[in-house]
Protein backbone atom coordinates (compact mmCIF):
# COMPACT_ATOMS: atom_id res chain seq x y z
CA MET A 1 26.34 -169.81 -53.79
CA THR A 2 24.25 -167.74 -55.72
CA VAL A 3 22.12 -167.47 -52.68
CA ASP A 4 23.00 -166.32 -49.64
CA LEU A 5 21.18 -167.20 -46.11
CA GLN A 6 21.91 -165.20 -42.67
CA LEU A 7 20.35 -166.85 -39.85
CA ASP A 8 19.97 -164.15 -36.64
CA GLY A 9 17.80 -165.78 -34.17
CA PRO A 10 14.45 -165.38 -35.50
CA ILE A 11 15.01 -163.70 -38.45
CA ALA A 12 16.04 -165.44 -41.34
CA ARG A 13 17.72 -162.59 -44.20
CA LEU A 14 18.02 -164.55 -47.89
CA ALA A 15 20.01 -162.55 -50.37
CA LEU A 16 19.71 -163.36 -54.06
CA ASP A 17 23.64 -162.98 -54.57
CA ARG A 18 24.63 -162.59 -58.15
CA PRO A 19 25.23 -159.47 -58.63
CA ASP A 20 27.80 -159.11 -61.61
CA LYS A 21 24.57 -160.27 -63.14
CA LEU A 22 21.74 -158.26 -61.73
CA ASN A 23 20.40 -161.31 -59.65
CA ALA A 24 19.57 -163.34 -62.72
CA MET A 25 18.17 -167.10 -62.13
CA GLY A 26 20.53 -169.50 -63.48
CA PRO A 27 21.27 -173.02 -63.21
CA ALA A 28 22.90 -173.05 -59.50
CA PHE A 29 19.99 -170.92 -58.33
CA TRP A 30 17.31 -173.23 -59.21
CA ASP A 31 19.50 -176.15 -57.59
CA GLU A 32 19.76 -174.36 -54.86
CA PHE A 33 17.36 -171.72 -53.62
CA GLY A 34 14.78 -174.45 -52.81
CA GLU A 35 17.36 -176.47 -50.52
CA VAL A 36 17.65 -172.29 -48.97
CA VAL A 37 14.22 -171.88 -48.01
CA GLY A 38 13.63 -175.33 -47.02
CA ARG A 39 16.10 -174.77 -43.95
CA ILE A 40 14.66 -171.95 -43.28
CA ASP A 41 10.94 -173.81 -43.37
CA ALA A 42 13.13 -176.02 -40.49
CA ASP A 43 14.65 -173.67 -38.30
CA PRO A 44 12.77 -173.90 -35.86
CA GLN A 45 14.03 -170.49 -34.47
CA ALA A 46 12.60 -168.48 -37.33
CA ARG A 47 9.70 -166.39 -37.45
CA VAL A 48 9.69 -164.76 -40.38
CA ALA A 49 12.36 -164.74 -43.44
CA ILE A 50 13.28 -161.19 -45.26
CA LEU A 51 14.51 -162.20 -49.06
CA SER A 52 15.99 -159.34 -51.07
CA GLY A 53 18.38 -159.49 -54.25
CA ASN A 54 22.11 -157.84 -53.43
CA GLY A 55 23.59 -155.13 -55.98
CA ARG A 56 21.63 -152.68 -57.59
CA ALA A 57 18.52 -154.82 -59.01
CA PHE A 58 16.34 -157.90 -57.36
CA THR A 59 16.55 -159.94 -60.13
CA ALA A 60 17.12 -160.07 -63.57
CA GLY A 61 14.75 -163.00 -63.17
CA LEU A 62 15.63 -166.07 -65.60
CA ASP A 63 19.35 -166.98 -67.04
CA LEU A 64 18.10 -167.82 -70.42
CA MET A 65 21.64 -167.43 -71.69
CA GLU A 66 22.12 -170.36 -69.14
CA MET A 67 19.27 -172.34 -68.96
CA MET A 68 18.49 -172.96 -72.61
CA PRO A 69 21.27 -175.78 -72.87
CA ARG A 70 18.87 -177.57 -70.22
CA LEU A 71 15.67 -176.37 -72.29
CA PRO A 72 15.01 -178.96 -75.37
CA LYS A 73 15.68 -178.06 -78.60
CA PRO A 74 12.51 -175.96 -80.27
CA GLY A 75 11.64 -177.50 -83.30
CA GLY A 76 11.00 -181.10 -85.30
CA PRO A 77 8.53 -182.99 -85.60
CA PRO A 78 6.31 -182.96 -82.02
CA ASP A 79 8.01 -185.29 -79.47
CA GLY A 80 6.87 -186.57 -77.24
CA ALA A 81 9.92 -186.76 -74.92
CA LYS A 82 11.05 -183.28 -75.23
CA GLN A 83 7.24 -181.74 -74.28
CA LEU A 84 7.47 -184.75 -71.29
CA ALA A 85 11.35 -182.55 -70.81
CA LEU A 86 10.13 -179.20 -70.71
CA HIS A 87 6.98 -180.41 -68.55
CA ARG A 88 9.09 -181.81 -66.22
CA LEU A 89 11.85 -179.02 -65.44
CA ILE A 90 8.45 -176.35 -65.53
CA GLU A 91 6.80 -178.56 -62.85
CA ARG A 92 10.55 -178.54 -60.79
CA LEU A 93 11.32 -175.01 -61.18
CA GLN A 94 7.74 -174.59 -60.27
CA GLY A 95 8.13 -176.09 -57.06
CA VAL A 96 11.28 -174.05 -56.78
CA ILE A 97 9.01 -171.18 -56.42
CA SER A 98 6.73 -172.51 -54.50
CA SER A 99 8.73 -173.62 -51.55
CA VAL A 100 8.86 -169.67 -50.62
CA GLU A 101 4.61 -170.14 -50.04
CA ARG A 102 5.18 -173.44 -48.65
CA CYS A 103 7.17 -171.86 -46.20
CA ARG A 104 5.91 -171.81 -42.55
CA VAL A 105 7.46 -168.82 -41.81
CA PRO A 106 6.11 -165.44 -43.68
CA VAL A 107 7.94 -164.34 -46.54
CA ILE A 108 8.47 -160.42 -46.61
CA ALA A 109 10.18 -159.90 -50.75
CA ALA A 110 12.22 -156.61 -50.35
CA ILE A 111 12.71 -155.32 -53.83
CA HIS A 112 14.70 -152.32 -55.56
CA GLY A 113 15.80 -151.98 -58.55
CA TRP A 114 14.75 -154.50 -61.27
CA CYS A 115 12.80 -156.94 -60.51
CA VAL A 116 11.44 -159.09 -64.23
CA GLY A 117 10.29 -162.11 -65.34
CA GLY A 118 10.69 -164.84 -63.00
CA GLY A 119 11.23 -161.90 -60.22
CA VAL A 120 7.98 -161.44 -60.14
CA ASP A 121 7.45 -164.99 -60.14
CA LEU A 122 9.23 -165.02 -56.84
CA ILE A 123 7.74 -162.23 -55.11
CA THR A 124 4.20 -163.28 -56.04
CA ALA A 125 5.28 -166.65 -53.65
CA CYS A 126 5.70 -164.43 -50.74
CA ASP A 127 3.63 -163.35 -48.53
CA ILE A 128 4.40 -159.91 -48.31
CA ARG A 129 5.73 -157.36 -50.36
CA LEU A 130 7.33 -154.55 -50.07
CA ALA A 131 9.27 -152.30 -53.37
CA SER A 132 11.68 -148.87 -52.92
CA ALA A 133 10.82 -146.42 -55.41
CA ASP A 134 13.11 -147.16 -57.30
CA ALA A 135 11.67 -150.22 -57.72
CA ARG A 136 10.37 -151.57 -61.61
CA PHE A 137 8.87 -154.44 -62.81
CA SER A 138 7.60 -156.06 -66.18
CA VAL A 139 5.94 -159.90 -67.01
CA ARG A 140 8.88 -160.02 -69.69
CA GLU A 141 7.77 -163.01 -71.10
CA THR A 142 5.24 -161.72 -73.67
CA ARG A 143 8.07 -160.10 -74.85
CA LEU A 144 10.40 -162.84 -75.57
CA ALA A 145 6.81 -164.93 -76.45
CA MET A 146 6.96 -167.03 -73.56
CA VAL A 147 4.39 -168.36 -70.33
CA ALA A 148 5.15 -166.65 -67.20
CA ASP A 149 3.88 -170.45 -66.25
CA ILE A 150 6.74 -170.49 -63.09
CA GLY A 151 4.09 -168.59 -60.70
CA THR A 152 3.10 -165.70 -62.63
CA LEU A 153 -0.11 -166.32 -64.35
CA GLN A 154 -1.65 -168.16 -61.02
CA ARG A 155 -0.56 -165.56 -58.79
CA LEU A 156 -0.65 -162.02 -60.17
CA PRO A 157 -4.58 -162.30 -59.99
CA ALA A 158 -4.59 -162.91 -56.55
CA ILE A 159 -2.96 -160.35 -55.83
CA VAL A 160 -3.81 -157.41 -58.01
CA GLY A 161 -7.09 -158.51 -59.62
CA PRO A 162 -7.96 -160.10 -62.72
CA GLY A 163 -7.66 -156.97 -65.23
CA VAL A 164 -4.31 -155.48 -64.01
CA ALA A 165 -2.80 -159.16 -64.51
CA ARG A 166 -4.39 -159.82 -67.70
CA GLU A 167 -3.17 -156.23 -68.72
CA LEU A 168 0.62 -156.64 -67.59
CA ILE A 169 0.60 -160.71 -68.80
CA TYR A 170 -0.51 -159.82 -71.37
CA THR A 171 1.70 -156.20 -71.82
CA GLY A 172 4.95 -157.24 -70.87
CA ARG A 173 5.02 -153.12 -70.23
CA ASP A 174 7.49 -152.17 -67.79
CA PHE A 175 5.99 -150.69 -64.41
CA ASP A 176 7.19 -148.40 -61.28
CA ALA A 177 6.79 -149.25 -57.73
CA ALA A 178 3.53 -146.30 -57.53
CA TYR A 179 1.59 -148.14 -59.79
CA ALA A 180 2.89 -151.23 -58.30
CA GLU A 181 0.62 -150.13 -55.09
CA ARG A 182 -2.14 -148.87 -56.13
């Protein structure tokens, strides 16, 4: 399991648990995470969920090396089947992230170390975000010529305002907890 769930009465502790890979979000994460959030949502005793990352980072974001085989191969002439497959994959990943937003209990993100790319998608779906002084963030997709379409584009403007969101999304620059707090 890449997600560790501890149910303790009213408190659900949910930890990304792949510390050797900085909790990078590979296929197993995407297969497990929504189901685990669903268990919290269905637990009548749960009143709050705390989401954290085990090890020295919250998450390094999408594990590109492990996810590449699941992505349609780029290049060649336009191919409707490839485009449809990519669209369906993106919708599935969005659904996993949105499970946090739909959860009936408040979800609090406890962020430390790096929170990159897909991690920013994930924390923007949370109700509350708390960061340690060593937390660092980046909408890194921009630097990789990718679109932050799993949740950041949809949610970040409502959290930080449209101007700051555009700056962070367009530049992909790293920022620390002090900047995030402002």
